Amino acid sequence: MRGPDADEWVKAADDERHDLGAKFADGKPALERAPRDAVPGGAIVRRSVGVCAEKRATNGKRGKKKFRWVCDGSRSAGEPQPAGASSPTCAASTVLLCLALGCAYDWHIVQKDITKAYLLAAPTRTYYVRYPPGFCAYLERKHDGDIPFNPSEYYLRVRKNLYGDEESGRILFDLIAAFLVRDLHMRHSPVGRCMFVLAFDDAAGSHIAAGARLTVVVLLYVDDILKFSVTARWRPRSRAQS
């Protein structure tokens, strides 16, 4: 925050704070400030860190600066690991298989990134994070030395999943998988839990008719989606689509 690019990093941190502080559909922000003396004794409190990255343009020149607020997922002594915390991982062999089939049968292949994916769902337990190291320097730079509050006197209650938390990946996977199965009528493939297929029988008008024709394959890899479809016109339609 004291280098020649300090103002750009402050802007990046501002953007992240705005995103995390914005009200979501349920009216809650991702992080909610709480005085330390109001946090119950024995509450789970984690460290957080600010990860700074600089994107590069396609021509190799320096691009936009990115700041991401990340939870330190390491547990304190004696803290149990949540049951079923790990998320299914899409195997490289599954991706290669689908790419080979897509090329052989001339399928349409599209890759999509889910913006701010982890913030779509809430954690399954109550926990807090501390302000990241260097946050005071950020406040000093932003407010010309007049810090509006002392970060050491507050914790932040986590209302939406943060990157770095051990449960976040699984919660996101469960959310997207439920949407694909319940609303888009897709099925888990026996090839792997991260592969979903949609078979549609034009004559029967059914997604599950015997001998139905394979229409769409979706692979989930954390917050990325790889879609294979027999036609470029296929679009998911459901009441839950946003």
C-alpha atoms as a PDB file:
ATOM      1  CA  MET A   1       0.000   0.000   0.000  1.00  0.00           C
ATOM      2  CA  ARG A   2       3.032   2.271  -0.058  1.00  0.00           C
ATOM      3  CA  GLY A   3       4.345   1.436  -3.523  1.00  0.00           C
ATOM      4  CA  PRO A   4       3.840   3.323  -6.794  1.00  0.00           C
ATOM      5  CA  ASP A   5       0.710   1.264  -7.585  1.00  0.00           C
ATOM      6  CA  ALA A   6      -0.861   1.807  -4.150  1.00  0.00           C
ATOM      7  CA  ASP A   7      -3.932   3.643  -5.458  1.00  0.00           C
ATOM      8  CA  GLU A   8      -4.688   0.812  -7.886  1.00  0.00           C
ATOM      9  CA  TRP A   9      -4.441  -1.772  -5.095  1.00  0.00           C
ATOM     10  CA  VAL A  10      -6.714   0.359  -2.901  1.00  0.00           C
ATOM     11  CA  LYS A  11      -9.249   0.411  -5.737  1.00  0.00           C
ATOM     12  CA  ALA A  12      -8.996  -3.392  -6.057  1.00  0.00           C
ATOM     13  CA  ALA A  13      -9.537  -3.826  -2.311  1.00  0.00           C
ATOM     14  CA  ASP A  14     -12.488  -1.407  -2.468  1.00  0.00           C
ATOM     15  CA  ASP A  15     -14.106  -3.488  -5.204  1.00  0.00           C
ATOM     16  CA  GLU A  16     -13.740  -6.668  -3.136  1.00  0.00           C
ATOM     17  CA  ARG A  17     -15.141  -5.006  -0.006  1.00  0.00           C
ATOM     18  CA  HIS A  18     -18.096  -3.702  -2.002  1.00  0.00           C
ATOM     19  CA  ASP A  19     -18.837  -7.170  -3.384  1.00  0.00           C
ATOM     20  CA  LEU A  20     -18.582  -8.814   0.034  1.00  0.00           C
ATOM     21  CA  GLY A  21     -20.603  -6.092   1.747  1.00  0.00           C
ATOM     22  CA  ALA A  22     -23.368  -5.992  -0.839  1.00  0.00           C
ATOM     23  CA  LYS A  23     -26.712  -7.418   0.191  1.00  0.00           C
ATOM     24  CA  PHE A  24     -27.570 -10.705  -1.472  1.00  0.00           C
ATOM     25  CA  ALA A  25     -30.991 -12.143  -2.248  1.00  0.00           C
ATOM     26  CA  ASP A  26     -31.477 -13.107   1.404  1.00  0.00           C
ATOM     27  CA  GLY A  27     -30.568  -9.586   2.577  1.00  0.00           C
ATOM     28  CA  LYS A  28     -27.258 -10.647   4.150  1.00  0.00           C
ATOM     29  CA  PRO A  29     -23.740  -9.505   3.249  1.00  0.00           C
ATOM     30  CA  ALA A  30     -20.892 -11.976   2.830  1.00  0.00           C
ATOM     31  CA  LEU A  31     -19.041 -10.557   5.848  1.00  0.00           C
ATOM     32  CA  GLU A  32     -20.713  -8.858   8.795  1.00  0.00           C
ATOM     33  CA  ARG A  33     -18.649  -6.866  11.278  1.00  0.00           C
ATOM     34  CA  ALA A  34     -19.050  -7.886  14.915  1.00  0.00           C
ATOM     35  CA  PRO A  35     -17.369  -6.387  18.014  1.00  0.00           C
ATOM     36  CA  ARG A  36     -15.024  -8.895  19.585  1.00  0.00           C
ATOM     37  CA  ASP A  37     -16.660  -8.630  22.980  1.00  0.00           C
ATOM     38  CA  ALA A  38     -20.018  -9.599  21.395  1.00  0.00           C
ATOM     39  CA  VAL A  39     -18.682 -12.839  19.895  1.00  0.00           C
ATOM     40  CA  PRO A  40     -19.593 -15.863  22.038  1.00  0.00           C
ATOM     41  CA  GLY A  41     -16.807 -17.587  23.899  1.00  0.00           C
ATOM     42  CA  GLY A  42     -15.571 -20.701  22.127  1.00  0.00           C
ATOM     43  CA  ALA A  43     -16.662 -19.439  18.709  1.00  0.00           C
ATOM     44  CA  ILE A  44     -14.610 -20.547  15.699  1.00  0.00           C
ATOM     45  CA  VAL A  45     -12.354 -17.670  14.636  1.00  0.00           C
ATOM     46  CA  ARG A  46     -10.086 -18.023  11.626  1.00  0.00           C
ATOM     47  CA  ARG A  47      -7.405 -15.874  10.115  1.00  0.00           C
ATOM     48  CA  SER A  48      -7.980 -14.243   6.753  1.00  0.00           C
ATOM     49  CA  VAL A  49      -5.539 -12.983   4.171  1.00  0.00           C
ATOM     50  CA  GLY A  50      -5.760 -10.613   1.247  1.00  0.00           C
ATOM     51  CA  VAL A  51      -4.486 -12.216  -1.950  1.00  0.00           C
ATOM     52  CA  CYS A  52      -3.297  -9.700  -4.523  1.00  0.00           C
ATOM     53  CA  ALA A  53      -2.925 -10.635  -8.174  1.00  0.00           C
ATOM     54  CA  GLU A  54      -2.349  -8.763 -11.386  1.00  0.00           C
ATOM     55  CA  LYS A  55      -4.030 -10.037 -14.518  1.00  0.00           C
ATOM     56  CA  ARG A  56      -2.130  -9.929 -17.754  1.00  0.00           C
ATOM     57  CA  ALA A  57      -3.659  -8.777 -21.014  1.00  0.00           C
ATOM     58  CA  THR A  58      -3.489 -11.025 -24.078  1.00  0.00           C
ATOM     59  CA  ASN A  59      -0.609  -8.914 -25.397  1.00  0.00           C
ATOM     60  CA  GLY A  60       1.392  -9.562 -22.208  1.00  0.00           C
ATOM     61  CA  LYS A  61       0.984  -6.070 -20.805  1.00  0.00           C
ATOM     62  CA  ARG A  62       0.019  -5.457 -17.193  1.00  0.00           C
ATOM     63  CA  GLY A  63      -3.705  -5.585 -16.698  1.00  0.00           C
ATOM     64  CA  LYS A  64      -6.288  -5.131 -13.963  1.00  0.00           C
ATOM     65  CA  LYS A  65      -5.307  -5.641 -10.350  1.00  0.00           C
ATOM     66  CA  LYS A  66      -7.366  -8.104  -8.335  1.00  0.00           C
ATOM     67  CA  PHE A  67      -7.770  -8.372  -4.556  1.00  0.00           C
ATOM     68  CA  ARG A  68      -9.464 -11.414  -3.022  1.00  0.00           C
ATOM     69  CA  TRP A  69     -10.391 -11.884   0.628  1.00  0.00           C
ATOM     70  CA  VAL A  70      -9.491 -15.479   1.526  1.00  0.00           C
ATOM     71  CA  CYS A  71     -10.117 -17.502   4.671  1.00  0.00           C
ATOM     72  CA  ASP A  72      -7.196 -19.395   6.174  1.00  0.00           C
ATOM     73  CA  GLY A  73      -8.608 -22.920   6.214  1.00  0.00           C
ATOM     74  CA  SER A  74      -6.169 -24.310   8.777  1.00  0.00           C
ATOM     75  CA  ARG A  75      -7.966 -25.457  11.939  1.00  0.00           C
ATOM     76  CA  SER A  76      -7.004 -24.520  15.462  1.00  0.00           C
ATOM     77  CA  ALA A  77      -5.824 -27.215  17.864  1.00  0.00           C
ATOM     78  CA  GLY A  78      -8.632 -29.570  18.838  1.00  0.00           C
ATOM     79  CA  GLU A  79     -11.085 -28.229  16.265  1.00  0.00           C
ATOM     80  CA  PRO A  80     -12.734 -31.137  14.443  1.00  0.00           C
ATOM     81  CA  GLN A  81     -12.938 -31.233  10.676  1.00  0.00           C
ATOM     82  CA  PRO A  82     -16.528 -30.877   9.407  1.00  0.00           C
ATOM     83  CA  ALA A  83     -17.989 -34.153   8.192  1.00  0.00           C
ATOM     84  CA  GLY A  84     -17.857 -34.530   4.411  1.00  0.00           C
ATOM     85  CA  ALA A  85     -15.935 -31.288   3.991  1.00  0.00           C
ATOM     86  CA  SER A  86     -14.066 -32.228   0.828  1.00  0.00           C
ATOM     87  CA  SER A  87     -15.584 -31.574  -2.567  1.00  0.00           C
ATOM     88  CA  PRO A  88     -15.653 -34.064  -5.468  1.00  0.00           C
ATOM     89  CA  THR A  89     -12.938 -33.328  -7.994  1.00  0.00           C
ATOM     90  CA  CYS A  90     -13.302 -33.780 -11.712  1.00  0.00           C
ATOM     91  CA  ALA A  91     -10.677 -36.265 -12.882  1.00  0.00           C
ATOM     92  CA  ALA A  92      -8.389 -35.296 -15.750  1.00  0.00           C
ATOM     93  CA  SER A  93      -9.286 -38.571 -17.465  1.00  0.00           C
ATOM     94  CA  THR A  94     -12.970 -37.535 -17.488  1.00  0.00           C
ATOM     95  CA  VAL A  95     -12.136 -34.210 -19.132  1.00  0.00           C
ATOM     96  CA  LEU A  96      -9.924 -35.904 -21.727  1.00  0.00           C
ATOM     97  CA  LEU A  97     -12.631 -38.502 -22.452  1.00  0.00           C
ATOM     98  CA  CYS A  98     -15.270 -35.813 -23.065  1.00  0.00           C
ATOM     99  CA  LEU A  99     -12.896 -33.756 -25.206  1.00  0.00           C
ATOM    100  CA  ALA A 100     -12.090 -36.797 -27.312  1.00  0.00           C
ATOM    101  CA  LEU A 101     -15.786 -37.620 -27.767  1.00  0.00           C
ATOM    102  CA  GLY A 102     -16.572 -33.993 -28.504  1.00  0.00           C
ATOM    103  CA  CYS A 103     -13.960 -33.849 -31.237  1.00  0.00           C
ATOM    104  CA  ALA A 104     -14.949 -37.225 -32.682  1.00  0.00           C
ATOM    105  CA  TYR A 105     -18.671 -36.389 -32.862  1.00  0.00           C
ATOM    106  CA  ASP A 106     -18.291 -32.662 -33.571  1.00  0.00           C
ATOM    107  CA  TRP A 107     -20.038 -31.557 -30.364  1.00  0.00           C
ATOM    108  CA  HIS A 108     -20.245 -27.902 -29.435  1.00  0.00           C
ATOM    109  CA  ILE A 109     -17.867 -27.220 -26.531  1.00  0.00           C
ATOM    110  CA  VAL A 110     -18.194 -24.178 -24.251  1.00  0.00           C
ATOM    111  CA  GLN A 111     -16.293 -23.257 -21.091  1.00  0.00           C
ATOM    112  CA  LYS A 112     -17.914 -20.960 -18.523  1.00  0.00           C
ATOM    113  CA  ASP A 113     -16.667 -19.441 -15.296  1.00  0.00           C
ATOM    114  CA  ILE A 114     -19.161 -18.808 -12.478  1.00  0.00           C
ATOM    115  CA  THR A 115     -18.580 -15.260 -11.256  1.00  0.00           C
ATOM    116  CA  LYS A 116     -18.163 -14.981  -7.473  1.00  0.00           C
ATOM    117  CA  ALA A 117     -19.261 -18.600  -7.267  1.00  0.00           C
ATOM    118  CA  TYR A 118     -18.579 -19.264  -3.587  1.00  0.00           C
ATOM    119  CA  LEU A 119     -20.742 -16.326  -2.546  1.00  0.00           C
ATOM    120  CA  LEU A 120     -23.818 -18.060  -3.939  1.00  0.00           C
ATOM    121  CA  ALA A 121     -24.219 -20.178  -0.803  1.00  0.00           C
ATOM    122  CA  ALA A 122     -23.917 -19.828   2.962  1.00  0.00           C
ATOM    123  CA  PRO A 123     -21.640 -21.879   5.228  1.00  0.00           C
ATOM    124  CA  THR A 124     -23.204 -24.698   7.213  1.00  0.00           C
ATOM    125  CA  ARG A 125     -21.715 -23.525  10.513  1.00  0.00           C
ATOM    126  CA  THR A 126     -21.176 -20.230  12.316  1.00  0.00           C
ATOM    127  CA  TYR A 127     -17.632 -18.895  12.259  1.00  0.00           C
ATOM    128  CA  TYR A 128     -15.706 -15.631  12.153  1.00  0.00           C
ATOM    129  CA  VAL A 129     -12.526 -14.332  10.545  1.00  0.00           C
ATOM    130  CA  ARG A 130     -10.061 -11.670  11.626  1.00  0.00           C
ATOM    131  CA  TYR A 131      -9.215  -8.740   9.395  1.00  0.00           C
ATOM    132  CA  PRO A 132      -6.257  -9.619   7.144  1.00  0.00           C
ATOM    133  CA  PRO A 133      -2.721  -8.355   7.833  1.00  0.00           C
ATOM    134  CA  GLY A 134      -2.127  -4.959   6.286  1.00  0.00           C
ATOM    135  CA  PHE A 135      -5.752  -3.870   6.579  1.00  0.00           C
ATOM    136  CA  CYS A 136      -4.774  -0.858   8.722  1.00  0.00           C
ATOM    137  CA  ALA A 137      -2.365   0.283   5.999  1.00  0.00           C
ATOM    138  CA  TYR A 138      -5.195   0.019   3.488  1.00  0.00           C
ATOM    139  CA  LEU A 139      -7.492   2.146   5.703  1.00  0.00           C
ATOM    140  CA  GLU A 140      -4.750   4.721   6.228  1.00  0.00           C
ATOM    141  CA  ARG A 141      -4.211   5.056   2.487  1.00  0.00           C
ATOM    142  CA  LYS A 142      -7.894   5.182   1.680  1.00  0.00           C
ATOM    143  CA  HIS A 143      -8.791   7.721   4.386  1.00  0.00           C
ATOM    144  CA  ASP A 144      -5.609   9.847   4.297  1.00  0.00           C
ATOM    145  CA  GLY A 145      -4.413   8.615   7.677  1.00  0.00           C
ATOM    146  CA  ASP A 146      -7.753   9.021   9.471  1.00  0.00           C
ATOM    147  CA  ILE A 147      -8.689   5.395  10.232  1.00  0.00           C
ATOM    148  CA  PRO A 148     -12.491   5.151  10.762  1.00  0.00           C
ATOM    149  CA  PHE A 149     -12.253   2.124  13.081  1.00  0.00           C
ATOM    150  CA  ASN A 150      -9.702  -0.187  14.662  1.00  0.00           C
ATOM    151  CA  PRO A 151      -9.785  -3.597  12.923  1.00  0.00           C
ATOM    152  CA  SER A 152      -8.246  -5.277  15.972  1.00  0.00           C
ATOM    153  CA  GLU A 153     -11.467  -4.585  17.913  1.00  0.00           C
ATOM    154  CA  TYR A 154     -13.684  -6.526  15.501  1.00  0.00           C
ATOM    155  CA  TYR A 155     -14.211  -9.925  13.969  1.00  0.00           C
ATOM    156  CA  LEU A 156     -16.150 -10.570  10.775  1.00  0.00           C
ATOM    157  CA  ARG A 157     -18.959 -13.098  10.807  1.00  0.00           C
ATOM    158  CA  VAL A 158     -18.910 -15.149   7.621  1.00  0.00           C
ATOM    159  CA  ARG A 159     -22.388 -15.152   6.075  1.00  0.00           C
ATOM    160  CA  LYS A 160     -21.389 -16.382   2.609  1.00  0.00           C
ATOM    161  CA  ASN A 161     -18.742 -18.899   1.683  1.00  0.00           C
ATOM    162  CA  LEU A 162     -15.209 -17.595   1.371  1.00  0.00           C
ATOM    163  CA  TYR A 163     -12.426 -18.985  -0.759  1.00  0.00           C
ATOM    164  CA  GLY A 164     -10.019 -20.965   1.402  1.00  0.00           C
ATOM    165  CA  ASP A 165     -12.576 -22.424   3.799  1.00  0.00           C
ATOM    166  CA  GLU A 166     -12.516 -26.217   3.757  1.00  0.00           C
ATOM    167  CA  GLU A 167     -16.273 -26.563   3.239  1.00  0.00           C
ATOM    168  CA  SER A 168     -16.760 -23.954   0.529  1.00  0.00           C
ATOM    169  CA  GLY A 169     -15.985 -26.200  -2.436  1.00  0.00           C
ATOM    170  CA  ARG A 170     -18.351 -28.949  -1.316  1.00  0.00           C
ATOM    171  CA  ILE A 171     -21.184 -26.517  -0.553  1.00  0.00           C
ATOM    172  CA  LEU A 172     -20.830 -24.942  -3.998  1.00  0.00           C
ATOM    173  CA  PHE A 173     -20.745 -28.358  -5.652  1.00  0.00           C
ATOM    174  CA  ASP A 174     -23.904 -29.471  -3.820  1.00  0.00           C
ATOM    175  CA  LEU A 175     -25.684 -26.245  -4.835  1.00  0.00           C
ATOM    176  CA  ILE A 176     -24.846 -26.513  -8.539  1.00  0.00           C
ATOM    177  CA  ALA A 177     -25.417 -30.287  -8.655  1.00  0.00           C
ATOM    178  CA  ALA A 178     -28.880 -29.854  -7.138  1.00  0.00           C
ATOM    179  CA  PHE A 179     -29.704 -27.209  -9.754  1.00  0.00           C
ATOM    180  CA  LEU A 180     -28.570 -29.424 -12.635  1.00  0.00           C
ATOM    181  CA  VAL A 181     -30.461 -32.473 -11.382  1.00  0.00           C
ATOM    182  CA  ARG A 182     -33.615 -30.888  -9.962  1.00  0.00           C
ATOM    183  CA  ASP A 183     -34.196 -28.014 -12.364  1.00  0.00           C
ATOM    184  CA  LEU A 184     -32.476 -29.084 -15.591  1.00  0.00           C
ATOM    185  CA  HIS A 185     -33.361 -32.795 -15.254  1.00  0.00           C
ATOM    186  CA  MET A 186     -29.768 -33.931 -15.697  1.00  0.00           C
ATOM    187  CA  ARG A 187     -28.321 -37.090 -14.183  1.00  0.00           C
ATOM    188  CA  HIS A 188     -25.072 -37.977 -12.477  1.00  0.00           C
ATOM    189  CA  SER A 189     -22.945 -40.025 -14.826  1.00  0.00           C
ATOM    190  CA  PRO A 190     -21.418 -43.306 -13.598  1.00  0.00           C
ATOM    191  CA  VAL A 191     -18.154 -42.021 -15.090  1.00  0.00           C
ATOM    192  CA  GLY A 192     -17.775 -39.574 -12.191  1.00  0.00           C
ATOM    193  CA  ARG A 193     -19.682 -37.415  -9.698  1.00  0.00           C
ATOM    194  CA  CYS A 194     -18.611 -34.231 -11.485  1.00  0.00           C
ATOM    195  CA  MET A 195     -20.115 -35.344 -14.804  1.00  0.00           C
ATOM    196  CA  PHE A 196     -23.794 -34.731 -15.561  1.00  0.00           C
ATOM    197  CA  VAL A 197     -25.677 -35.874 -18.644  1.00  0.00           C
ATOM    198  CA  LEU A 198     -28.978 -34.980 -20.255  1.00  0.00           C
ATOM    199  CA  ALA A 199     -30.602 -37.534 -22.565  1.00  0.00           C
ATOM    200  CA  PHE A 200     -33.726 -36.444 -24.411  1.00  0.00           C
ATOM    201  CA  ASP A 201     -36.026 -38.570 -26.546  1.00  0.00           C
ATOM    202  CA  ASP A 202     -37.593 -36.310 -29.167  1.00  0.00           C
ATOM    203  CA  ALA A 203     -40.444 -38.725 -29.861  1.00  0.00           C
ATOM    204  CA  ALA A 204     -41.436 -39.378 -26.258  1.00  0.00           C
ATOM    205  CA  GLY A 205     -40.675 -35.834 -25.137  1.00  0.00           C
ATOM    206  CA  SER A 206     -39.072 -37.276 -22.032  1.00  0.00           C
ATOM    207  CA  HIS A 207     -35.715 -36.673 -20.372  1.00  0.00           C
ATOM    208  CA  ILE A 208     -35.590 -40.195 -18.986  1.00  0.00           C
ATOM    209  CA  ALA A 209     -37.156 -42.391 -21.687  1.00  0.00           C
ATOM    210  CA  ALA A 210     -35.447 -45.702 -22.341  1.00  0.00           C
ATOM    211  CA  GLY A 211     -32.945 -45.376 -25.178  1.00  0.00           C
ATOM    212  CA  ALA A 212     -33.052 -41.587 -25.039  1.00  0.00           C
ATOM    213  CA  ARG A 213     -30.460 -39.749 -27.119  1.00  0.00           C
ATOM    214  CA  LEU A 214     -27.528 -38.076 -25.349  1.00  0.00           C
ATOM    215  CA  THR A 215     -27.909 -34.333 -25.775  1.00  0.00           C
ATOM    216  CA  VAL A 216     -25.766 -32.486 -23.216  1.00  0.00           C
ATOM    217  CA  VAL A 217     -22.789 -33.294 -20.993  1.00  0.00           C
ATOM    218  CA  VAL A 218     -21.708 -30.905 -18.221  1.00  0.00           C
ATOM    219  CA  LEU A 219     -18.477 -31.178 -16.246  1.00  0.00           C
ATOM    220  CA  LEU A 220     -18.006 -29.281 -12.994  1.00  0.00           C
ATOM    221  CA  TYR A 221     -14.538 -28.259 -11.877  1.00  0.00           C
ATOM    222  CA  VAL A 222     -14.820 -26.073  -8.759  1.00  0.00           C
ATOM    223  CA  ASP A 223     -16.296 -22.836 -10.194  1.00  0.00           C
ATOM    224  CA  ASP A 224     -15.796 -23.700 -13.871  1.00  0.00           C
ATOM    225  CA  ILE A 225     -18.261 -25.457 -16.156  1.00  0.00           C
ATOM    226  CA  LEU A 226     -17.364 -27.311 -19.340  1.00  0.00           C
ATOM    227  CA  LYS A 227     -20.413 -27.981 -21.523  1.00  0.00           C
ATOM    228  CA  PHE A 228     -20.648 -30.390 -24.454  1.00  0.00           C
ATOM    229  CA  SER A 229     -23.826 -30.339 -26.542  1.00  0.00           C
ATOM    230  CA  VAL A 230     -24.956 -31.745 -29.874  1.00  0.00           C
ATOM    231  CA  THR A 231     -26.398 -28.375 -30.848  1.00  0.00           C
ATOM    232  CA  ALA A 232     -25.204 -24.836 -30.192  1.00  0.00           C
ATOM    233  CA  ARG A 233     -28.808 -23.742 -29.609  1.00  0.00           C
ATOM    234  CA  TRP A 234     -29.267 -25.674 -26.355  1.00  0.00           C
ATOM    235  CA  ARG A 235     -29.872 -23.337 -23.434  1.00  0.00           C
ATOM    236  CA  PRO A 236     -30.856 -24.352 -19.907  1.00  0.00           C
ATOM    237  CA  ARG A 237     -34.406 -23.303 -19.043  1.00  0.00           C
ATOM    238  CA  SER A 238     -35.762 -23.492 -15.526  1.00  0.00           C
ATOM    239  CA  ARG A 239     -37.500 -21.412 -12.905  1.00  0.00           C
ATOM    240  CA  ALA A 240     -34.272 -21.214 -10.898  1.00  0.00           C
ATOM    241  CA  GLN A 241     -32.132 -19.916 -13.770  1.00  0.00           C
ATOM    242  CA  SER A 242     -30.500 -16.553 -13.107  1.00  0.00           C
END
